[in-house]
Amino acid sequence: MLILQRKAGESLLIGEEIEISVLSVEAGRVRLAIEAPKSVPILRSELKNAAATNREAADEEASPLALLEMLRGAAGDVETPGEKK
């Protein structure tokens, strides 16, 4: 990991096509401007982590009966097919 110090108005280059400029530093927050080719994805790390969590949750399999039991707990009494109350 490379650690740099930059002031407002200064920038750094990554390769020949990506430039990151510090726009301002105020109240513990840094505003950055990023110039990069459209083919380079730029994503905040918390969004990447949320997407990974969603993918993991979608990959987990649950049986239809387990899902029905979960629905029963959330919605009170849910009638199963063929079941009479």
PDB file of N, CA and C in Angstrom:
ATOM      1  N   MET A   1       0.843  -1.171   0.000  1.00  0.00           N
ATOM      2  CA  MET A   1       0.000   0.000   0.000  1.00  0.00           C
ATOM      3  C   MET A   1       0.891   1.238   0.000  1.00  0.00           C
ATOM      4  N   LEU A   2       0.559   2.176  -0.841  1.00  0.00           N
ATOM      5  CA  LEU A   2       1.279   3.432  -0.923  1.00  0.00           C
ATOM      6  C   LEU A   2       0.463   4.492  -0.188  1.00  0.00           C
ATOM      7  N   ILE A   3       1.095   5.250   0.693  1.00  0.00           N
ATOM      8  CA  ILE A   3       0.416   6.315   1.434  1.00  0.00           C
ATOM      9  C   ILE A   3       1.035   7.637   1.025  1.00  0.00           C
ATOM     10  N   LEU A   4       0.195   8.552   0.554  1.00  0.00           N
ATOM     11  CA  LEU A   4       0.644   9.862   0.100  1.00  0.00           C
ATOM     12  C   LEU A   4      -0.077  10.966   0.862  1.00  0.00           C
ATOM     13  N   GLN A   5       0.551  12.117   0.937  1.00  0.00           N
ATOM     14  CA  GLN A   5      -0.117  13.303   1.470  1.00  0.00           C
ATOM     15  C   GLN A   5      -0.306  14.274   0.317  1.00  0.00           C
ATOM     16  N   ARG A   6      -1.489  14.778   0.186  1.00  0.00           N
ATOM     17  CA  ARG A   6      -1.807  15.748  -0.859  1.00  0.00           C
ATOM     18  C   ARG A   6      -2.601  16.881  -0.223  1.00  0.00           C
ATOM     19  N   LYS A   7      -2.436  18.081  -0.742  1.00  0.00           N
ATOM     20  CA  LYS A   7      -3.194  19.248  -0.303  1.00  0.00           C
ATOM     21  C   LYS A   7      -4.265  19.541  -1.347  1.00  0.00           C
ATOM     22  N   ALA A   8      -5.233  20.352  -0.980  1.00  0.00           N
ATOM     23  CA  ALA A   8      -6.259  20.766  -1.934  1.00  0.00           C
ATOM     24  C   ALA A   8      -5.582  21.371  -3.164  1.00  0.00           C
ATOM     25  N   GLY A   9      -6.034  20.960  -4.342  1.00  0.00           N
ATOM     26  CA  GLY A   9      -5.460  21.446  -5.589  1.00  0.00           C
ATOM     27  C   GLY A   9      -4.367  20.548  -6.135  1.00  0.00           C
ATOM     28  N   GLU A  10      -3.863  19.617  -5.343  1.00  0.00           N
ATOM     29  CA  GLU A  10      -2.829  18.696  -5.812  1.00  0.00           C
ATOM     30  C   GLU A  10      -3.478  17.421  -6.335  1.00  0.00           C
ATOM     31  N   SER A  11      -2.735  16.663  -7.102  1.00  0.00           N
ATOM     32  CA  SER A  11      -3.288  15.430  -7.670  1.00  0.00           C
ATOM     33  C   SER A  11      -2.221  14.352  -7.702  1.00  0.00           C
ATOM     34  N   LEU A  12      -2.646  13.156  -8.108  1.00  0.00           N
ATOM     35  CA  LEU A  12      -1.725  12.048  -8.314  1.00  0.00           C
ATOM     36  C   LEU A  12      -2.199  11.270  -9.528  1.00  0.00           C
ATOM     37  N   LEU A  13      -1.271  10.573 -10.134  1.00  0.00           N
ATOM     38  CA  LEU A  13      -1.572   9.793 -11.329  1.00  0.00           C
ATOM     39  C   LEU A  13      -1.423   8.311 -11.032  1.00  0.00           C
ATOM     40  N   ILE A  14      -2.332   7.534 -11.603  1.00  0.00           N
ATOM     41  CA  ILE A  14      -2.238   6.076 -11.546  1.00  0.00           C
ATOM     42  C   ILE A  14      -2.111   5.630 -12.992  1.00  0.00           C
ATOM     43  N   GLY A  15      -0.954   5.106 -13.327  1.00  0.00           N
ATOM     44  CA  GLY A  15      -0.685   4.784 -14.725  1.00  0.00           C
ATOM     45  C   GLY A  15      -0.669   6.071 -15.530  1.00  0.00           C
ATOM     46  N   GLU A  16      -1.076   5.982 -16.791  1.00  0.00           N
ATOM     47  CA  GLU A  16      -1.090   7.158 -17.653  1.00  0.00           C
ATOM     48  C   GLU A  16      -2.489   7.702 -17.875  1.00  0.00           C
ATOM     49  N   GLU A  17      -3.510   6.964 -17.418  1.00  0.00           N
ATOM     50  CA  GLU A  17      -4.873   7.346 -17.775  1.00  0.00           C
ATOM     51  C   GLU A  17      -5.756   7.762 -16.601  1.00  0.00           C
ATOM     52  N   ILE A  18      -5.291   7.590 -15.370  1.00  0.00           N
ATOM     53  CA  ILE A  18      -6.136   7.890 -14.210  1.00  0.00           C
ATOM     54  C   ILE A  18      -5.490   8.989 -13.389  1.00  0.00           C
ATOM     55  N   GLU A  19      -6.249  10.064 -13.147  1.00  0.00           N
ATOM     56  CA  GLU A  19      -5.767  11.171 -12.330  1.00  0.00           C
ATOM     57  C   GLU A  19      -6.771  11.416 -11.205  1.00  0.00           C
ATOM     58  N   ILE A  20      -6.255  11.504  -9.995  1.00  0.00           N
ATOM     59  CA  ILE A  20      -7.082  11.782  -8.820  1.00  0.00           C
ATOM     60  C   ILE A  20      -6.632  13.116  -8.249  1.00  0.00           C
ATOM     61  N   SER A  21      -7.558  14.068  -8.178  1.00  0.00           N
ATOM     62  CA  SER A  21      -7.260  15.399  -7.669  1.00  0.00           C
ATOM     63  C   SER A  21      -7.988  15.627  -6.358  1.00  0.00           C
ATOM     64  N   VAL A  22      -7.334  16.303  -5.426  1.00  0.00           N
ATOM     65  CA  VAL A  22      -7.953  16.682  -4.159  1.00  0.00           C
ATOM     66  C   VAL A  22      -8.609  18.037  -4.386  1.00  0.00           C
ATOM     67  N   LEU A  23      -9.939  18.080  -4.306  1.00  0.00           N
ATOM     68  CA  LEU A  23     -10.657  19.338  -4.503  1.00  0.00           C
ATOM     69  C   LEU A  23     -10.657  20.180  -3.239  1.00  0.00           C
ATOM     70  N   SER A  24     -10.960  19.525  -2.100  1.00  0.00           N
ATOM     71  CA  SER A  24     -10.995  20.270  -0.840  1.00  0.00           C
ATOM     72  C   SER A  24     -10.869  19.312   0.334  1.00  0.00           C
ATOM     73  N   VAL A  25     -10.443  19.884   1.458  1.00  0.00           N
ATOM     74  CA  VAL A  25     -10.376  19.158   2.718  1.00  0.00           C
ATOM     75  C   VAL A  25     -11.060  20.055   3.741  1.00  0.00           C
ATOM     76  N   GLU A  26     -12.223  19.614   4.240  1.00  0.00           N
ATOM     77  CA  GLU A  26     -13.003  20.423   5.175  1.00  0.00           C
ATOM     78  C   GLU A  26     -13.621  19.528   6.226  1.00  0.00           C
ATOM     79  N   ALA A  27     -13.504  19.904   7.471  1.00  0.00           N
ATOM     80  CA  ALA A  27     -14.160  19.209   8.582  1.00  0.00           C
ATOM     81  C   ALA A  27     -13.949  17.697   8.535  1.00  0.00           C
ATOM     82  N   GLY A  28     -12.720  17.287   8.276  1.00  0.00           N
ATOM     83  CA  GLY A  28     -12.412  15.860   8.282  1.00  0.00           C
ATOM     84  C   GLY A  28     -12.879  15.107   7.060  1.00  0.00           C
ATOM     85  N   ARG A  29     -13.349  15.801   6.021  1.00  0.00           N
ATOM     86  CA  ARG A  29     -13.804  15.155   4.787  1.00  0.00           C
ATOM     87  C   ARG A  29     -12.948  15.611   3.627  1.00  0.00           C
ATOM     88  N   VAL A  30     -12.677  14.712   2.726  1.00  0.00           N
ATOM     89  CA  VAL A  30     -11.872  15.015   1.549  1.00  0.00           C
ATOM     90  C   VAL A  30     -12.763  14.869   0.318  1.00  0.00           C
ATOM     91  N   ARG A  31     -12.758  15.859  -0.544  1.00  0.00           N
ATOM     92  CA  ARG A  31     -13.492  15.770  -1.813  1.00  0.00           C
ATOM     93  C   ARG A  31     -12.481  15.491  -2.904  1.00  0.00           C
ATOM     94  N   LEU A  32     -12.716  14.414  -3.645  1.00  0.00           N
ATOM     95  CA  LEU A  32     -11.805  13.977  -4.701  1.00  0.00           C
ATOM     96  C   LEU A  32     -12.478  14.079  -6.060  1.00  0.00           C
ATOM     97  N   ALA A  33     -11.692  14.346  -7.076  1.00  0.00           N
ATOM     98  CA  ALA A  33     -12.156  14.274  -8.461  1.00  0.00           C
ATOM     99  C   ALA A  33     -11.313  13.192  -9.133  1.00  0.00           C
ATOM    100  N   ILE A  34     -11.988  12.302  -9.852  1.00  0.00           N
ATOM    101  CA  ILE A  34     -11.288  11.193 -10.496  1.00  0.00           C
ATOM    102  C   ILE A  34     -11.540  11.269 -11.995  1.00  0.00           C
ATOM    103  N   GLU A  35     -10.464  11.330 -12.764  1.00  0.00           N
ATOM    104  CA  GLU A  35     -10.552  11.269 -14.216  1.00  0.00           C
ATOM    105  C   GLU A  35      -9.992   9.933 -14.646  1.00  0.00           C
ATOM    106  N   ALA A  36     -10.834   9.139 -15.317  1.00  0.00           N
ATOM    107  CA  ALA A  36     -10.430   7.804 -15.760  1.00  0.00           C
ATOM    108  C   ALA A  36     -11.222   7.443 -17.003  1.00  0.00           C
ATOM    109  N   PRO A  37     -10.700   6.528 -17.807  1.00  0.00           N
ATOM    110  CA  PRO A  37     -11.470   6.062 -18.971  1.00  0.00           C
ATOM    111  C   PRO A  37     -12.791   5.434 -18.519  1.00  0.00           C
ATOM    112  N   LYS A  38     -13.803   5.526 -19.365  1.00  0.00           N
ATOM    113  CA  LYS A  38     -15.117   4.960 -19.027  1.00  0.00           C
ATOM    114  C   LYS A  38     -15.049   3.453 -18.781  1.00  0.00           C
ATOM    115  N   SER A  39     -14.043   2.797 -19.320  1.00  0.00           N
ATOM    116  CA  SER A  39     -13.920   1.346 -19.143  1.00  0.00           C
ATOM    117  C   SER A  39     -13.424   0.968 -17.752  1.00  0.00           C
ATOM    118  N   VAL A  40     -12.989   1.954 -16.950  1.00  0.00           N
ATOM    119  CA  VAL A  40     -12.490   1.684 -15.604  1.00  0.00           C
ATOM    120  C   VAL A  40     -13.627   1.906 -14.613  1.00  0.00           C
ATOM    121  N   PRO A  41     -14.100   0.847 -13.946  1.00  0.00           N
ATOM    122  CA  PRO A  41     -15.183   1.037 -12.971  1.00  0.00           C
ATOM    123  C   PRO A  41     -14.664   1.773 -11.733  1.00  0.00           C
ATOM    124  N   ILE A  42     -15.457   2.729 -11.246  1.00  0.00           N
ATOM    125  CA  ILE A  42     -15.134   3.463 -10.026  1.00  0.00           C
ATOM    126  C   ILE A  42     -16.313   3.273  -9.090  1.00  0.00           C
ATOM    127  N   LEU A  43     -16.059   2.654  -7.942  1.00  0.00           N
ATOM    128  CA  LEU A  43     -17.134   2.306  -7.024  1.00  0.00           C
ATOM    129  C   LEU A  43     -16.663   2.515  -5.598  1.00  0.00           C
ATOM    130  N   ARG A  44     -17.516   3.127  -4.776  1.00  0.00           N
ATOM    131  CA  ARG A  44     -17.181   3.277  -3.357  1.00  0.00           C
ATOM    132  C   ARG A  44     -17.100   1.890  -2.727  1.00  0.00           C
ATOM    133  N   SER A  45     -16.162   1.699  -1.821  1.00  0.00           N
ATOM    134  CA  SER A  45     -15.923   0.370  -1.249  1.00  0.00           C
ATOM    135  C   SER A  45     -17.141  -0.159  -0.499  1.00  0.00           C
ATOM    136  N   GLU A  46     -17.897   0.713   0.181  1.00  0.00           N
ATOM    137  CA  GLU A  46     -19.067   0.218   0.913  1.00  0.00           C
ATOM    138  C   GLU A  46     -20.136  -0.323  -0.033  1.00  0.00           C
ATOM    139  N   LEU A  47     -20.232   0.223  -1.245  1.00  0.00           N
ATOM    140  CA  LEU A  47     -21.191  -0.315  -2.213  1.00  0.00           C
ATOM    141  C   LEU A  47     -20.726  -1.666  -2.744  1.00  0.00           C
ATOM    142  N   LYS A  48     -19.426  -1.804  -2.951  1.00  0.00           N
ATOM    143  CA  LYS A  48     -18.883  -3.089  -3.396  1.00  0.00           C
ATOM    144  C   LYS A  48     -19.124  -4.159  -2.336  1.00  0.00           C
ATOM    145  N   ASN A  49     -18.922  -3.813  -1.064  1.00  0.00           N
ATOM    146  CA  ASN A  49     -19.151  -4.767   0.026  1.00  0.00           C
ATOM    147  C   ASN A  49     -20.633  -5.147   0.121  1.00  0.00           C
ATOM    148  N   ALA A  50     -21.527  -4.169  -0.046  1.00  0.00           N
ATOM    149  CA  ALA A  50     -22.966  -4.453   0.009  1.00  0.00           C
ATOM    150  C   ALA A  50     -23.373  -5.377  -1.137  1.00  0.00           C
ATOM    151  N   ALA A  51     -22.820  -5.145  -2.321  1.00  0.00           N
ATOM    152  CA  ALA A  51     -23.138  -6.003  -3.469  1.00  0.00           C
ATOM    153  C   ALA A  51     -22.659  -7.429  -3.222  1.00  0.00           C
ATOM    154  N   ALA A  52     -21.485  -7.573  -2.642  1.00  0.00           N
ATOM    155  CA  ALA A  52     -20.965  -8.915  -2.346  1.00  0.00           C
ATOM    156  C   ALA A  52     -21.848  -9.620  -1.320  1.00  0.00           C
ATOM    157  N   THR A  53     -22.303  -8.888  -0.310  1.00  0.00           N
ATOM    158  CA  THR A  53     -23.190  -9.462   0.700  1.00  0.00           C
ATOM    159  C   THR A  53     -24.505  -9.904   0.071  1.00  0.00           C
ATOM    160  N   ASN A  54     -25.053  -9.085  -0.828  1.00  0.00           N
ATOM    161  CA  ASN A  54     -26.296  -9.447  -1.508  1.00  0.00           C
ATOM    162  C   ASN A  54     -26.122 -10.693  -2.369  1.00  0.00           C
ATOM    163  N   ARG A  55     -24.986 -10.781  -3.062  1.00  0.00           N
ATOM    164  CA  ARG A  55     -24.726 -11.971  -3.886  1.00  0.00           C
ATOM    165  C   ARG A  55     -24.640 -13.222  -3.028  1.00  0.00           C
ATOM    166  N   GLU A  56     -23.974 -13.115  -1.879  1.00  0.00           N
ATOM    167  CA  GLU A  56     -23.855 -14.268  -0.984  1.00  0.00           C
ATOM    168  C   GLU A  56     -25.225 -14.696  -0.475  1.00  0.00           C
ATOM    169  N   ALA A  57     -26.066 -13.727  -0.126  1.00  0.00           N
ATOM    170  CA  ALA A  57     -27.403 -14.056   0.367  1.00  0.00           C
ATOM    171  C   ALA A  57     -28.236 -14.711  -0.731  1.00  0.00           C
ATOM    172  N   ALA A  58     -28.090 -14.245  -1.961  1.00  0.00           N
ATOM    173  CA  ALA A  58     -28.854 -14.818  -3.071  1.00  0.00           C
ATOM    174  C   ALA A  58     -28.385 -16.227  -3.401  1.00  0.00           C
ATOM    175  N   ASP A  59     -27.123 -16.522  -3.150  1.00  0.00           N
ATOM    176  CA  ASP A  59     -26.583 -17.847  -3.447  1.00  0.00           C
ATOM    177  C   ASP A  59     -27.024 -18.903  -2.446  1.00  0.00           C
ATOM    178  N   GLU A  60     -27.414 -18.467  -1.244  1.00  0.00           N
ATOM    179  CA  GLU A  60     -27.848 -19.432  -0.235  1.00  0.00           C
ATOM    180  C   GLU A  60     -29.189 -20.015  -0.646  1.00  0.00           C
ATOM    181  N   GLU A  61     -29.294 -21.327  -0.541  1.00  0.00           N
ATOM    182  CA  GLU A  61     -30.536 -21.994  -0.911  1.00  0.00           C
ATOM    183  C   GLU A  61     -31.308 -22.371   0.334  1.00  0.00           C
ATOM    184  N   ALA A  62     -32.615 -22.220   0.251  1.00  0.00           N
ATOM    185  CA  ALA A  62     -33.489 -22.641   1.335  1.00  0.00           C
ATOM    186  C   ALA A  62     -34.617 -23.468   0.724  1.00  0.00           C
ATOM    187  N   SER A  63     -35.066 -24.462   1.443  1.00  0.00           N
ATOM    188  CA  SER A  63     -36.149 -25.295   0.934  1.00  0.00           C
ATOM    189  C   SER A  63     -37.448 -24.494   0.956  1.00  0.00           C
ATOM    190  N   PRO A  64     -38.396 -24.828   0.083  1.00  0.00           N
ATOM    191  CA  PRO A  64     -39.681 -24.127   0.077  1.00  0.00           C
ATOM    192  C   PRO A  64     -40.381 -24.181   1.442  1.00  0.00           C
ATOM    193  N   LEU A  65     -40.274 -25.306   2.154  1.00  0.00           N
ATOM    194  CA  LEU A  65     -40.907 -25.403   3.468  1.00  0.00           C
ATOM    195  C   LEU A  65     -40.253 -24.464   4.475  1.00  0.00           C
ATOM    196  N   ALA A  66     -38.937 -24.328   4.408  1.00  0.00           N
ATOM    197  CA  ALA A  66     -38.239 -23.405   5.311  1.00  0.00           C
ATOM    198  C   ALA A  66     -38.655 -21.974   5.015  1.00  0.00           C
ATOM    199  N   LEU A  67     -38.818 -21.630   3.728  1.00  0.00           N
ATOM    200  CA  LEU A  67     -39.271 -20.287   3.370  1.00  0.00           C
ATOM    201  C   LEU A  67     -40.688 -20.039   3.864  1.00  0.00           C
ATOM    202  N   LEU A  68     -41.544 -21.046   3.742  1.00  0.00           N
ATOM    203  CA  LEU A  68     -42.928 -20.926   4.214  1.00  0.00           C
ATOM    204  C   LEU A  68     -42.976 -20.719   5.716  1.00  0.00           C
ATOM    205  N   GLU A  69     -42.151 -21.452   6.450  1.00  0.00           N
ATOM    206  CA  GLU A  69     -42.082 -21.274   7.903  1.00  0.00           C
ATOM    207  C   GLU A  69     -41.610 -19.860   8.247  1.00  0.00           C
ATOM    208  N   MET A  70     -40.665 -19.345   7.485  1.00  0.00           N
ATOM    209  CA  MET A  70     -40.182 -17.995   7.712  1.00  0.00           C
ATOM    210  C   MET A  70     -41.304 -16.984   7.468  1.00  0.00           C
ATOM    211  N   LEU A  71     -42.090 -17.206   6.412  1.00  0.00           N
ATOM    212  CA  LEU A  71     -43.228 -16.330   6.126  1.00  0.00           C
ATOM    213  C   LEU A  71     -44.277 -16.408   7.232  1.00  0.00           C
ATOM    214  N   ARG A  72     -44.527 -17.596   7.713  1.00  0.00           N
ATOM    215  CA  ARG A  72     -45.493 -17.749   8.813  1.00  0.00           C
ATOM    216  C   ARG A  72     -45.072 -16.913  10.016  1.00  0.00           C
ATOM    217  N   GLY A  73     -43.800 -16.955  10.338  1.00  0.00           N
ATOM    218  CA  GLY A  73     -43.307 -16.190  11.477  1.00  0.00           C
ATOM    219  C   GLY A  73     -43.420 -14.694  11.248  1.00  0.00           C
ATOM    220  N   ALA A  74     -43.247 -14.248  10.013  1.00  0.00           N
ATOM    221  CA  ALA A  74     -43.277 -12.817   9.720  1.00  0.00           C
ATOM    222  C   ALA A  74     -44.689 -12.291   9.552  1.00  0.00           C
ATOM    223  N   ALA A  75     -45.613 -13.118   9.026  1.00  0.00           N
ATOM    224  CA  ALA A  75     -46.942 -12.630   8.697  1.00  0.00           C
ATOM    225  C   ALA A  75     -48.042 -13.254   9.552  1.00  0.00           C
ATOM    226  N   GLY A  76     -47.705 -13.943  10.594  1.00  0.00           N
ATOM    227  CA  GLY A  76     -48.731 -14.603  11.398  1.00  0.00           C
ATOM    228  C   GLY A  76     -49.051 -15.946  10.797  1.00  0.00           C
ATOM    229  N   ASP A  77     -50.330 -16.229  10.581  1.00  0.00           N
ATOM    230  CA  ASP A  77     -50.742 -17.511  10.009  1.00  0.00           C
ATOM    231  C   ASP A  77     -50.864 -17.407   8.506  1.00  0.00           C
ATOM    232  N   VAL A  78     -50.017 -18.136   7.793  1.00  0.00           N
ATOM    233  CA  VAL A  78     -50.101 -18.249   6.346  1.00  0.00           C
ATOM    234  C   VAL A  78     -50.527 -19.669   6.050  1.00  0.00           C
ATOM    235  N   GLU A  79     -51.588 -19.809   5.266  1.00  0.00           N
ATOM    236  CA  GLU A  79     -52.124 -21.132   4.973  1.00  0.00           C
ATOM    237  C   GLU A  79     -51.281 -21.821   3.921  1.00  0.00           C
ATOM    238  N   THR A  80     -50.866 -23.040   4.182  1.00  0.00           N
ATOM    239  CA  THR A  80     -50.125 -23.818   3.183  1.00  0.00           C
ATOM    240  C   THR A  80     -51.110 -24.407   2.193  1.00  0.00           C
ATOM    241  N   PRO A  81     -50.680 -24.663   0.957  1.00  0.00           N
ATOM    242  CA  PRO A  81     -51.582 -25.261  -0.046  1.00  0.00           C
ATOM    243  C   PRO A  81     -52.165 -26.569   0.480  1.00  0.00           C
ATOM    244  N   GLY A  82     -53.480 -26.722   0.346  1.00  0.00           N
ATOM    245  CA  GLY A  82     -54.144 -27.927   0.794  1.00  0.00           C
ATOM    246  C   GLY A  82     -54.466 -27.936   2.276  1.00  0.00           C
ATOM    247  N   GLU A  83     -54.044 -26.935   3.012  1.00  0.00           N
ATOM    248  CA  GLU A  83     -54.284 -26.878   4.458  1.00  0.00           C
ATOM    249  C   GLU A  83     -55.551 -26.074   4.720  1.00  0.00           C
ATOM    250  N   LYS A  84     -56.397 -26.533   5.567  1.00  0.00           N
ATOM    251  CA  LYS A  84     -57.625 -25.835   5.952  1.00  0.00           C
ATOM    252  C   LYS A  84     -57.488 -25.346   7.361  1.00  0.00           C
ATOM    253  N   LYS A  85     -57.966 -24.133   7.598  1.00  0.00           N
ATOM    254  CA  LYS A  85     -57.950 -23.570   8.951  1.00  0.00           C
ATOM    255  C   LYS A  85     -59.239 -23.864   9.666  1.00  0.00           C
TER     256      LYS A  85
END
